[in-house]
């Protein structure tokens, strides 16, 4: 991980590890994980979720029990729950570090920090406990009339991508992996678009899709934010004036060719705080999970999150 090498790294080979996982998770990665449970259980504690959203409470419980590394065994959604569970505990970010076993479909954050996708290789990294401090973004929004905050590791978005997440077919996701999101995005293109305004007080942009990045990658290894640095104290903002077929065609080089976002297709700027607003109901997602609707305010704490890295 280029943005976390050098300063801020340390190694600790004797750590108390707690792994949080969903025992009913589907997919080949989850099956391989369950086959290795006996080996893993000899070296850590295991906590199983029993309902959607349950990883958050289990992570908070693990911090209070004194575990030094709290591992999210799952996808980016599970990672987000575990992250927020650590934050829920007073002093939790100082008491515990976040670890990842990438068992999900996309695993954007795991790719961002350079984790291998193999279970055995990842487990060796977690046992070694090599740590980096990275920035910690936060979003505030109203949920059922109550001001709510949610932390995220990699990215957030409003508009087309959040609508696509609503439309993802989970059976198709198991068969096609990340391409299921592309299919859902195509379906979302046929829906009425919201007009979103992103502003940091001095710069602003309006469009039908607005994204905020902490790291470089979006949707896998798509380099939507190529200049992003996990330790610079800034969020990358990308606003697409139009989220339509023409935009999708212009971005095919990024999606299928590993290229950067083509010039002129979106407006970009950086900010340490910003707002998203819309005159119409517009869904909001963080780390690939829908959490509510706009308006939303984003901020970032520099090098606040401790993460186990290669």
C-alpha atoms as a PDB file:
ATOM      1  CA  UNK A   1       0.000   0.000   0.000  1.00  0.00           C
ATOM      2  CA  UNK A   2       1.938   3.007  -1.233  1.00  0.00           C
ATOM      3  CA  UNK A   3       0.205   5.545   1.002  1.00  0.00           C
ATOM      4  CA  UNK A   4       1.007   3.699   4.243  1.00  0.00           C
ATOM      5  CA  UNK A   5       4.571   2.580   3.794  1.00  0.00           C
ATOM      6  CA  UNK A   6       7.318   4.018   5.958  1.00  0.00           C
ATOM      7  CA  UNK A   7       6.326   6.228   8.893  1.00  0.00           C
ATOM      8  CA  UNK A   8       3.472   5.044  11.061  1.00  0.00           C
ATOM      9  CA  UNK A   9       4.162   1.314  10.665  1.00  0.00           C
ATOM     10  CA  UNK A  10       4.953  -1.055  13.473  1.00  0.00           C
ATOM     11  CA  UNK A  11       4.988  -4.801  13.978  1.00  0.00           C
ATOM     12  CA  UNK A  12       3.529  -6.825  16.828  1.00  0.00           C
ATOM     13  CA  UNK A  13       3.612 -10.609  16.500  1.00  0.00           C
ATOM     14  CA  UNK A  14       1.731 -11.386  19.710  1.00  0.00           C
ATOM     15  CA  UNK A  15      -1.711  -9.868  19.533  1.00  0.00           C
ATOM     16  CA  UNK A  16      -5.145 -10.906  20.749  1.00  0.00           C
ATOM     17  CA  UNK A  17      -7.281 -11.381  17.664  1.00  0.00           C
ATOM     18  CA  UNK A  18     -11.061 -11.596  17.382  1.00  0.00           C
ATOM     19  CA  UNK A  19     -12.606 -12.605  14.052  1.00  0.00           C
ATOM     20  CA  UNK A  20     -16.199 -11.583  13.327  1.00  0.00           C
ATOM     21  CA  UNK A  21     -17.999 -13.481  10.562  1.00  0.00           C
ATOM     22  CA  UNK A  22     -21.392 -14.467   9.225  1.00  0.00           C
ATOM     23  CA  UNK A  23     -21.789 -18.269   9.524  1.00  0.00           C
ATOM     24  CA  UNK A  24     -24.500 -18.315   6.835  1.00  0.00           C
ATOM     25  CA  UNK A  25     -22.527 -16.324   4.235  1.00  0.00           C
ATOM     26  CA  UNK A  26     -22.690 -17.783   0.739  1.00  0.00           C
ATOM     27  CA  UNK A  27     -20.013 -18.029  -1.931  1.00  0.00           C
ATOM     28  CA  UNK A  28     -16.820 -20.005  -2.458  1.00  0.00           C
ATOM     29  CA  UNK A  29     -14.672 -17.680  -0.319  1.00  0.00           C
ATOM     30  CA  UNK A  30     -16.986 -18.111   2.655  1.00  0.00           C
ATOM     31  CA  UNK A  31     -16.957 -21.895   2.174  1.00  0.00           C
ATOM     32  CA  UNK A  32     -13.140 -21.946   2.173  1.00  0.00           C
ATOM     33  CA  UNK A  33     -13.125 -19.835   5.322  1.00  0.00           C
ATOM     34  CA  UNK A  34     -15.417 -22.277   7.128  1.00  0.00           C
ATOM     35  CA  UNK A  35     -13.151 -25.161   6.111  1.00  0.00           C
ATOM     36  CA  UNK A  36     -10.285 -23.384   7.890  1.00  0.00           C
ATOM     37  CA  UNK A  37     -12.245 -22.498  11.026  1.00  0.00           C
ATOM     38  CA  UNK A  38     -10.564 -25.117  13.218  1.00  0.00           C
ATOM     39  CA  UNK A  39      -7.109 -23.806  12.334  1.00  0.00           C
ATOM     40  CA  UNK A  40      -8.104 -20.178  12.808  1.00  0.00           C
ATOM     41  CA  UNK A  41      -9.979 -20.866  16.052  1.00  0.00           C
ATOM     42  CA  UNK A  42      -6.795 -22.186  17.642  1.00  0.00           C
ATOM     43  CA  UNK A  43      -5.202 -18.751  17.200  1.00  0.00           C
ATOM     44  CA  UNK A  44      -8.039 -16.331  17.889  1.00  0.00           C
ATOM     45  CA  UNK A  45     -11.557 -15.851  19.228  1.00  0.00           C
ATOM     46  CA  UNK A  46     -14.525 -16.185  16.866  1.00  0.00           C
ATOM     47  CA  UNK A  47     -17.765 -14.222  17.040  1.00  0.00           C
ATOM     48  CA  UNK A  48     -20.650 -15.167  14.756  1.00  0.00           C
ATOM     49  CA  UNK A  49     -23.286 -12.693  13.613  1.00  0.00           C
ATOM     50  CA  UNK A  50     -26.899 -13.789  14.005  1.00  0.00           C
ATOM     51  CA  UNK A  51     -28.630 -10.990  12.070  1.00  0.00           C
ATOM     52  CA  UNK A  52     -27.917  -8.289   9.516  1.00  0.00           C
ATOM     53  CA  UNK A  53     -25.991  -5.455  11.144  1.00  0.00           C
ATOM     54  CA  UNK A  54     -24.883  -7.651  14.026  1.00  0.00           C
ATOM     55  CA  UNK A  55     -21.150  -7.297  13.345  1.00  0.00           C
ATOM     56  CA  UNK A  56     -21.181  -3.763  14.750  1.00  0.00           C
ATOM     57  CA  UNK A  57     -22.266  -4.789  18.244  1.00  0.00           C
ATOM     58  CA  UNK A  58     -19.889  -7.762  18.220  1.00  0.00           C
ATOM     59  CA  UNK A  59     -16.957  -5.500  17.332  1.00  0.00           C
ATOM     60  CA  UNK A  60     -17.779  -3.155  20.210  1.00  0.00           C
ATOM     61  CA  UNK A  61     -18.024  -6.177  22.495  1.00  0.00           C
ATOM     62  CA  UNK A  62     -14.611  -7.397  21.333  1.00  0.00           C
ATOM     63  CA  UNK A  63     -12.997  -4.023  22.069  1.00  0.00           C
ATOM     64  CA  UNK A  64     -14.432  -4.044  25.589  1.00  0.00           C
ATOM     65  CA  UNK A  65     -13.101  -7.574  26.055  1.00  0.00           C
ATOM     66  CA  UNK A  66      -9.573  -6.347  25.345  1.00  0.00           C
ATOM     67  CA  UNK A  67      -8.924  -7.749  21.871  1.00  0.00           C
ATOM     68  CA  UNK A  68      -6.196  -5.814  20.078  1.00  0.00           C
ATOM     69  CA  UNK A  69      -7.132  -6.763  16.497  1.00  0.00           C
ATOM     70  CA  UNK A  70     -10.765  -6.941  15.411  1.00  0.00           C
ATOM     71  CA  UNK A  71     -11.067  -8.752  12.075  1.00  0.00           C
ATOM     72  CA  UNK A  72     -13.949  -8.319   9.650  1.00  0.00           C
ATOM     73  CA  UNK A  73     -14.270 -11.638   7.795  1.00  0.00           C
ATOM     74  CA  UNK A  74     -16.541 -10.706   4.913  1.00  0.00           C
ATOM     75  CA  UNK A  75     -17.024  -7.991   2.332  1.00  0.00           C
ATOM     76  CA  UNK A  76     -16.896  -4.216   2.503  1.00  0.00           C
ATOM     77  CA  UNK A  77     -20.268  -4.077   4.268  1.00  0.00           C
ATOM     78  CA  UNK A  78     -19.052  -6.312   7.095  1.00  0.00           C
ATOM     79  CA  UNK A  79     -15.867  -4.259   7.298  1.00  0.00           C
ATOM     80  CA  UNK A  80     -17.936  -1.090   7.682  1.00  0.00           C
ATOM     81  CA  UNK A  81     -19.974  -2.596  10.506  1.00  0.00           C
ATOM     82  CA  UNK A  82     -16.859  -3.725  12.364  1.00  0.00           C
ATOM     83  CA  UNK A  83     -15.219  -0.323  11.888  1.00  0.00           C
ATOM     84  CA  UNK A  84     -18.236   1.459  13.359  1.00  0.00           C
ATOM     85  CA  UNK A  85     -18.367  -1.013  16.247  1.00  0.00           C
ATOM     86  CA  UNK A  86     -14.769  -0.139  17.148  1.00  0.00           C
ATOM     87  CA  UNK A  87     -15.596   3.576  17.009  1.00  0.00           C
ATOM     88  CA  UNK A  88     -18.702   3.067  19.187  1.00  0.00           C
ATOM     89  CA  UNK A  89     -16.505   2.258  22.189  1.00  0.00           C
ATOM     90  CA  UNK A  90     -14.925   5.191  23.968  1.00  0.00           C
ATOM     91  CA  UNK A  91     -11.242   5.138  23.066  1.00  0.00           C
ATOM     92  CA  UNK A  92     -11.872   2.189  20.762  1.00  0.00           C
ATOM     93  CA  UNK A  93      -9.629   3.488  17.983  1.00  0.00           C
ATOM     94  CA  UNK A  94      -6.707   3.603  20.410  1.00  0.00           C
ATOM     95  CA  UNK A  95      -7.488   0.258  21.993  1.00  0.00           C
ATOM     96  CA  UNK A  96      -7.962  -1.861  18.840  1.00  0.00           C
ATOM     97  CA  UNK A  97      -6.891  -2.056  15.219  1.00  0.00           C
ATOM     98  CA  UNK A  98      -8.996  -3.149  12.248  1.00  0.00           C
ATOM     99  CA  UNK A  99      -8.141  -6.301  10.318  1.00  0.00           C
ATOM    100  CA  UNK A 100      -9.687  -7.694   7.140  1.00  0.00           C
ATOM    101  CA  UNK A 101     -10.240 -11.190   5.775  1.00  0.00           C
ATOM    102  CA  UNK A 102     -11.680 -10.435   2.308  1.00  0.00           C
ATOM    103  CA  UNK A 103     -14.526 -12.878   1.763  1.00  0.00           C
ATOM    104  CA  UNK A 104     -16.908 -10.580  -0.118  1.00  0.00           C
ATOM    105  CA  UNK A 105     -17.676 -10.068  -3.784  1.00  0.00           C
ATOM    106  CA  UNK A 106     -15.700  -6.882  -4.405  1.00  0.00           C
ATOM    107  CA  UNK A 107     -13.433  -6.259  -1.357  1.00  0.00           C
ATOM    108  CA  UNK A 108     -12.422  -2.752  -2.437  1.00  0.00           C
ATOM    109  CA  UNK A 109     -10.702  -1.767   0.801  1.00  0.00           C
ATOM    110  CA  UNK A 110      -8.698  -4.990   0.939  1.00  0.00           C
ATOM    111  CA  UNK A 111      -7.439  -4.261  -2.574  1.00  0.00           C
ATOM    112  CA  UNK A 112      -6.665  -0.681  -1.587  1.00  0.00           C
ATOM    113  CA  UNK A 113      -4.302  -1.695   1.208  1.00  0.00           C
ATOM    114  CA  UNK A 114      -2.732  -4.451  -0.863  1.00  0.00           C
ATOM    115  CA  UNK A 115      -4.085  -7.525   0.894  1.00  0.00           C
ATOM    116  CA  UNK A 116      -3.868 -10.818  -1.012  1.00  0.00           C
ATOM    117  CA  UNK A 117      -7.184 -12.508  -1.707  1.00  0.00           C
ATOM    118  CA  UNK A 118      -5.975 -15.906  -0.437  1.00  0.00           C
ATOM    119  CA  UNK A 119      -7.157 -16.854   3.050  1.00  0.00           C
ATOM    120  CA  UNK A 120      -3.883 -18.386   4.252  1.00  0.00           C
ATOM    121  CA  UNK A 121      -1.772 -15.418   3.107  1.00  0.00           C
ATOM    122  CA  UNK A 122      -4.174 -12.940   4.701  1.00  0.00           C
ATOM    123  CA  UNK A 123      -4.176 -14.857   7.965  1.00  0.00           C
ATOM    124  CA  UNK A 124      -0.383 -14.731   8.140  1.00  0.00           C
ATOM    125  CA  UNK A 125      -0.565 -10.954   7.733  1.00  0.00           C
ATOM    126  CA  UNK A 126      -3.149 -10.639  10.498  1.00  0.00           C
ATOM    127  CA  UNK A 127      -1.060 -12.763  12.858  1.00  0.00           C
ATOM    128  CA  UNK A 128       2.013 -10.618  12.189  1.00  0.00           C
ATOM    129  CA  UNK A 129       0.035  -7.514  13.184  1.00  0.00           C
ATOM    130  CA  UNK A 130       1.910  -4.981  11.050  1.00  0.00           C
ATOM    131  CA  UNK A 131       0.019  -1.734  11.543  1.00  0.00           C
ATOM    132  CA  UNK A 132      -0.542   1.505   9.640  1.00  0.00           C
ATOM    133  CA  UNK A 133      -2.532   4.577  10.577  1.00  0.00           C
ATOM    134  CA  UNK A 134      -4.841   5.886   7.870  1.00  0.00           C
ATOM    135  CA  UNK A 135      -7.454   8.623   7.599  1.00  0.00           C
ATOM    136  CA  UNK A 136     -10.961   8.014   8.917  1.00  0.00           C
ATOM    137  CA  UNK A 137     -13.868   9.616   6.999  1.00  0.00           C
ATOM    138  CA  UNK A 138     -17.273  10.268   8.539  1.00  0.00           C
ATOM    139  CA  UNK A 139     -20.672  11.207   7.168  1.00  0.00           C
ATOM    140  CA  UNK A 140     -23.528  12.842   9.111  1.00  0.00           C
ATOM    141  CA  UNK A 141     -27.095  12.543   7.830  1.00  0.00           C
ATOM    142  CA  UNK A 142     -30.659  12.374   9.110  1.00  0.00           C
ATOM    143  CA  UNK A 143     -32.096   8.907   9.713  1.00  0.00           C
ATOM    144  CA  UNK A 144     -35.806   8.950  10.554  1.00  0.00           C
ATOM    145  CA  UNK A 145     -35.422  12.550  11.649  1.00  0.00           C
ATOM    146  CA  UNK A 146     -32.448  11.882  13.929  1.00  0.00           C
ATOM    147  CA  UNK A 147     -28.955  13.220  13.154  1.00  0.00           C
ATOM    148  CA  UNK A 148     -26.805  10.119  12.661  1.00  0.00           C
ATOM    149  CA  UNK A 149     -23.131   9.604  11.918  1.00  0.00           C
ATOM    150  CA  UNK A 150     -21.421   6.749  10.138  1.00  0.00           C
ATOM    151  CA  UNK A 151     -17.727   6.163   9.565  1.00  0.00           C
ATOM    152  CA  UNK A 152     -16.372   4.525   6.425  1.00  0.00           C
ATOM    153  CA  UNK A 153     -13.055   3.182   5.208  1.00  0.00           C
ATOM    154  CA  UNK A 154     -13.035   3.554   1.434  1.00  0.00           C
ATOM    155  CA  UNK A 155     -15.835   5.462  -0.251  1.00  0.00           C
ATOM    156  CA  UNK A 156     -19.312   6.920  -0.207  1.00  0.00           C
ATOM    157  CA  UNK A 157     -21.726   7.854  -2.944  1.00  0.00           C
ATOM    158  CA  UNK A 158     -25.125   9.265  -3.765  1.00  0.00           C
ATOM    159  CA  UNK A 159     -27.290   8.919  -6.825  1.00  0.00           C
ATOM    160  CA  UNK A 160     -26.789   6.255  -9.481  1.00  0.00           C
ATOM    161  CA  UNK A 161     -24.449   3.936  -7.562  1.00  0.00           C
ATOM    162  CA  UNK A 162     -26.645   3.904  -4.456  1.00  0.00           C
ATOM    163  CA  UNK A 163     -29.684   3.152  -6.633  1.00  0.00           C
ATOM    164  CA  UNK A 164     -27.731   0.320  -8.274  1.00  0.00           C
ATOM    165  CA  UNK A 165     -26.998  -1.172  -4.856  1.00  0.00           C
ATOM    166  CA  UNK A 166     -30.750  -1.203  -4.196  1.00  0.00           C
ATOM    167  CA  UNK A 167     -31.252  -3.166  -7.423  1.00  0.00           C
ATOM    168  CA  UNK A 168     -28.495  -5.776  -7.050  1.00  0.00           C
ATOM    169  CA  UNK A 169     -29.814  -9.314  -7.469  1.00  0.00           C
ATOM    170  CA  UNK A 170     -28.048 -11.357  -4.789  1.00  0.00           C
ATOM    171  CA  UNK A 171     -28.333 -14.646  -6.671  1.00  0.00           C
ATOM    172  CA  UNK A 172     -26.789 -12.969  -9.708  1.00  0.00           C
ATOM    173  CA  UNK A 173     -24.109 -11.497  -7.450  1.00  0.00           C
ATOM    174  CA  UNK A 174     -23.058 -15.000  -6.378  1.00  0.00           C
ATOM    175  CA  UNK A 175     -22.790 -16.087 -10.023  1.00  0.00           C
ATOM    176  CA  UNK A 176     -21.255 -13.001 -11.636  1.00  0.00           C
ATOM    177  CA  UNK A 177     -19.413 -11.355  -8.749  1.00  0.00           C
ATOM    178  CA  UNK A 178     -18.661  -7.639  -9.388  1.00  0.00           C
ATOM    179  CA  UNK A 179     -20.396  -7.757 -12.772  1.00  0.00           C
ATOM    180  CA  UNK A 180     -23.707  -8.013 -10.906  1.00  0.00           C
ATOM    181  CA  UNK A 181     -23.200  -4.385  -9.851  1.00  0.00           C
ATOM    182  CA  UNK A 182     -22.599  -3.390 -13.470  1.00  0.00           C
ATOM    183  CA  UNK A 183     -25.848  -5.108 -14.421  1.00  0.00           C
ATOM    184  CA  UNK A 184     -27.669  -3.291 -11.603  1.00  0.00           C
ATOM    185  CA  UNK A 185     -26.100  -0.018 -12.723  1.00  0.00           C
ATOM    186  CA  UNK A 186     -27.522  -0.526 -16.200  1.00  0.00           C
ATOM    187  CA  UNK A 187     -30.968  -1.029 -14.645  1.00  0.00           C
ATOM    188  CA  UNK A 188     -30.494   2.110 -12.506  1.00  0.00           C
ATOM    189  CA  UNK A 189     -29.797   4.133 -15.662  1.00  0.00           C
ATOM    190  CA  UNK A 190     -33.444   3.649 -16.633  1.00  0.00           C
ATOM    191  CA  UNK A 191     -34.678   5.287 -13.417  1.00  0.00           C
ATOM    192  CA  UNK A 192     -35.281   9.037 -12.929  1.00  0.00           C
ATOM    193  CA  UNK A 193     -32.037  10.754 -11.913  1.00  0.00           C
ATOM    194  CA  UNK A 194     -31.575  13.084  -8.951  1.00  0.00           C
ATOM    195  CA  UNK A 195     -29.616  16.321  -9.198  1.00  0.00           C
ATOM    196  CA  UNK A 196     -26.934  16.366  -6.498  1.00  0.00           C
ATOM    197  CA  UNK A 197     -24.790  19.310  -5.425  1.00  0.00           C
ATOM    198  CA  UNK A 198     -21.427  18.695  -3.763  1.00  0.00           C
ATOM    199  CA  UNK A 199     -19.788  21.680  -2.072  1.00  0.00           C
ATOM    200  CA  UNK A 200     -16.873  22.389   0.254  1.00  0.00           C
ATOM    201  CA  UNK A 201     -17.721  26.066   0.632  1.00  0.00           C
ATOM    202  CA  UNK A 202     -15.320  27.277  -2.047  1.00  0.00           C
ATOM    203  CA  UNK A 203     -15.719  24.648  -4.772  1.00  0.00           C
ATOM    204  CA  UNK A 204     -18.944  23.012  -5.883  1.00  0.00           C
ATOM    205  CA  UNK A 205     -20.223  20.724  -8.598  1.00  0.00           C
ATOM    206  CA  UNK A 206     -23.650  19.383  -9.548  1.00  0.00           C
ATOM    207  CA  UNK A 207     -24.620  16.184 -11.264  1.00  0.00           C
ATOM    208  CA  UNK A 208     -26.520  12.910 -11.215  1.00  0.00           C
ATOM    209  CA  UNK A 209     -23.803  10.874  -9.477  1.00  0.00           C
ATOM    210  CA  UNK A 210     -21.565  12.119  -6.659  1.00  0.00           C
ATOM    211  CA  UNK A 211     -18.783  10.061  -5.095  1.00  0.00           C
ATOM    212  CA  UNK A 212     -16.376  10.584  -2.211  1.00  0.00           C
ATOM    213  CA  UNK A 213     -13.148   8.583  -1.991  1.00  0.00           C
ATOM    214  CA  UNK A 214     -10.659   8.011   0.793  1.00  0.00           C
ATOM    215  CA  UNK A 215      -8.588   5.621  -1.345  1.00  0.00           C
ATOM    216  CA  UNK A 216      -7.907   5.231  -5.057  1.00  0.00           C
ATOM    217  CA  UNK A 217     -10.247   2.389  -5.976  1.00  0.00           C
ATOM    218  CA  UNK A 218     -13.956   2.162  -6.698  1.00  0.00           C
ATOM    219  CA  UNK A 219     -15.975  -0.979  -7.419  1.00  0.00           C
ATOM    220  CA  UNK A 220     -12.893  -3.215  -7.314  1.00  0.00           C
ATOM    221  CA  UNK A 221      -9.676  -1.950  -8.890  1.00  0.00           C
ATOM    222  CA  UNK A 222     -11.227   0.876 -10.922  1.00  0.00           C
ATOM    223  CA  UNK A 223      -8.928   3.863 -10.343  1.00  0.00           C
ATOM    224  CA  UNK A 224     -11.595   6.505  -9.961  1.00  0.00           C
ATOM    225  CA  UNK A 225      -9.430   8.538  -7.557  1.00  0.00           C
ATOM    226  CA  UNK A 226      -5.853   7.935  -8.816  1.00  0.00           C
ATOM    227  CA  UNK A 227      -4.349  10.769  -6.726  1.00  0.00           C
ATOM    228  CA  UNK A 228      -5.956   9.678  -3.461  1.00  0.00           C
ATOM    229  CA  UNK A 229      -3.751   9.152  -0.418  1.00  0.00           C
ATOM    230  CA  UNK A 230      -5.065   7.353   2.654  1.00  0.00           C
ATOM    231  CA  UNK A 231      -2.975   9.603   4.895  1.00  0.00           C
ATOM    232  CA  UNK A 232      -3.283  13.133   3.496  1.00  0.00           C
ATOM    233  CA  UNK A 233      -6.325  14.282   5.499  1.00  0.00           C
ATOM    234  CA  UNK A 234      -8.351  14.972   2.352  1.00  0.00           C
ATOM    235  CA  UNK A 235     -11.330  13.393   0.637  1.00  0.00           C
ATOM    236  CA  UNK A 236     -11.485  13.057  -3.148  1.00  0.00           C
ATOM    237  CA  UNK A 237     -14.760  14.265  -4.697  1.00  0.00           C
ATOM    238  CA  UNK A 238     -15.975  13.169  -8.119  1.00  0.00           C
ATOM    239  CA  UNK A 239     -19.269  14.441  -9.578  1.00  0.00           C
ATOM    240  CA  UNK A 240     -20.676  13.222 -12.888  1.00  0.00           C
ATOM    241  CA  UNK A 241     -22.942  15.859 -14.511  1.00  0.00           C
ATOM    242  CA  UNK A 242     -24.753  13.070 -16.356  1.00  0.00           C
ATOM    243  CA  UNK A 243     -25.101   9.426 -15.337  1.00  0.00           C
ATOM    244  CA  UNK A 244     -26.273   8.032 -18.654  1.00  0.00           C
ATOM    245  CA  UNK A 245     -25.284   5.629 -21.431  1.00  0.00           C
ATOM    246  CA  UNK A 246     -22.822   8.078 -22.965  1.00  0.00           C
ATOM    247  CA  UNK A 247     -21.019   8.456 -19.639  1.00  0.00           C
ATOM    248  CA  UNK A 248     -20.908   4.690 -19.215  1.00  0.00           C
ATOM    249  CA  UNK A 249     -19.442   4.244 -22.710  1.00  0.00           C
ATOM    250  CA  UNK A 250     -16.796   6.904 -22.051  1.00  0.00           C
ATOM    251  CA  UNK A 251     -15.779   5.046 -18.885  1.00  0.00           C
ATOM    252  CA  UNK A 252     -15.352   1.621 -20.499  1.00  0.00           C
ATOM    253  CA  UNK A 253     -11.582   2.098 -20.652  1.00  0.00           C
ATOM    254  CA  UNK A 254     -11.507   2.490 -16.872  1.00  0.00           C
ATOM    255  CA  UNK A 255     -13.835  -0.449 -16.259  1.00  0.00           C
ATOM    256  CA  UNK A 256     -12.281  -2.938 -18.686  1.00  0.00           C
ATOM    257  CA  UNK A 257      -8.838  -1.531 -19.495  1.00  0.00           C
ATOM    258  CA  UNK A 258      -7.509  -0.454 -16.098  1.00  0.00           C
ATOM    259  CA  UNK A 259      -7.233   3.178 -17.194  1.00  0.00           C
ATOM    260  CA  UNK A 260      -7.945   6.317 -15.174  1.00  0.00           C
ATOM    261  CA  UNK A 261     -11.215   8.216 -15.473  1.00  0.00           C
ATOM    262  CA  UNK A 262     -11.255   9.979 -18.873  1.00  0.00           C
ATOM    263  CA  UNK A 263     -10.738  13.747 -18.784  1.00  0.00           C
ATOM    264  CA  UNK A 264     -13.881  15.868 -18.844  1.00  0.00           C
ATOM    265  CA  UNK A 265     -16.334  13.147 -17.891  1.00  0.00           C
ATOM    266  CA  UNK A 266     -16.615  14.362 -14.283  1.00  0.00           C
ATOM    267  CA  UNK A 267     -15.771  17.334 -12.070  1.00  0.00           C
ATOM    268  CA  UNK A 268     -13.282  16.643  -9.294  1.00  0.00           C
ATOM    269  CA  UNK A 269     -11.920  18.466  -6.266  1.00  0.00           C
ATOM    270  CA  UNK A 270     -10.519  17.740  -2.809  1.00  0.00           C
ATOM    271  CA  UNK A 271     -11.856  18.717   0.590  1.00  0.00           C
ATOM    272  CA  UNK A 272     -11.562  17.957   4.277  1.00  0.00           C
ATOM    273  CA  UNK A 273     -15.251  18.773   4.771  1.00  0.00           C
ATOM    274  CA  UNK A 274     -18.091  18.919   2.240  1.00  0.00           C
ATOM    275  CA  UNK A 275     -21.820  18.528   1.805  1.00  0.00           C
ATOM    276  CA  UNK A 276     -24.062  16.598  -0.562  1.00  0.00           C
ATOM    277  CA  UNK A 277     -27.576  17.934  -1.103  1.00  0.00           C
ATOM    278  CA  UNK A 278     -30.485  17.268  -3.427  1.00  0.00           C
ATOM    279  CA  UNK A 279     -33.996  18.611  -3.875  1.00  0.00           C
ATOM    280  CA  UNK A 280     -35.362  15.091  -4.457  1.00  0.00           C
ATOM    281  CA  UNK A 281     -35.074  11.892  -2.345  1.00  0.00           C
ATOM    282  CA  UNK A 282     -31.595  10.546  -3.092  1.00  0.00           C
ATOM    283  CA  UNK A 283     -30.084   7.407  -1.553  1.00  0.00           C
ATOM    284  CA  UNK A 284     -26.697   7.490   0.183  1.00  0.00           C
ATOM    285  CA  UNK A 285     -24.228   4.602   0.423  1.00  0.00           C
ATOM    286  CA  UNK A 286     -20.975   4.024   2.311  1.00  0.00           C
ATOM    287  CA  UNK A 287     -18.581   1.157   1.574  1.00  0.00           C
ATOM    288  CA  UNK A 288     -21.142  -0.370  -0.763  1.00  0.00           C
ATOM    289  CA  UNK A 289     -24.110  -0.392   1.655  1.00  0.00           C
ATOM    290  CA  UNK A 290     -27.080   1.981   1.533  1.00  0.00           C
ATOM    291  CA  UNK A 291     -27.553   3.785   4.850  1.00  0.00           C
ATOM    292  CA  UNK A 292     -30.082   6.580   4.233  1.00  0.00           C
ATOM    293  CA  UNK A 293     -30.701   9.660   2.102  1.00  0.00           C
ATOM    294  CA  UNK A 294     -29.317  13.124   1.441  1.00  0.00           C
ATOM    295  CA  UNK A 295     -28.513  15.726   2.674  1.00  0.00           C
ATOM    296  CA  UNK A 296     -25.190  14.620   4.132  1.00  0.00           C
ATOM    297  CA  UNK A 297     -22.064  16.263   5.538  1.00  0.00           C
ATOM    298  CA  UNK A 298     -18.651  14.606   5.179  1.00  0.00           C
ATOM    299  CA  UNK A 299     -15.510  15.145   7.235  1.00  0.00           C
ATOM    300  CA  UNK A 300     -12.245  13.298   7.852  1.00  0.00           C
ATOM    301  CA  UNK A 301      -9.874  12.662  10.764  1.00  0.00           C
ATOM    302  CA  UNK A 302      -6.271  12.365   9.708  1.00  0.00           C
ATOM    303  CA  UNK A 303      -4.468   9.078  10.497  1.00  0.00           C
ATOM    304  CA  UNK A 304      -7.042   8.145  13.132  1.00  0.00           C
ATOM    305  CA  UNK A 305      -7.738   4.544  12.069  1.00  0.00           C
ATOM    306  CA  UNK A 306      -5.291   1.721  12.840  1.00  0.00           C
ATOM    307  CA  UNK A 307      -5.295  -1.016  10.198  1.00  0.00           C
ATOM    308  CA  UNK A 308      -3.369  -4.278   9.800  1.00  0.00           C
ATOM    309  CA  UNK A 309      -1.526  -4.164   6.468  1.00  0.00           C
ATOM    310  CA  UNK A 310       0.926  -6.366   4.509  1.00  0.00           C
END
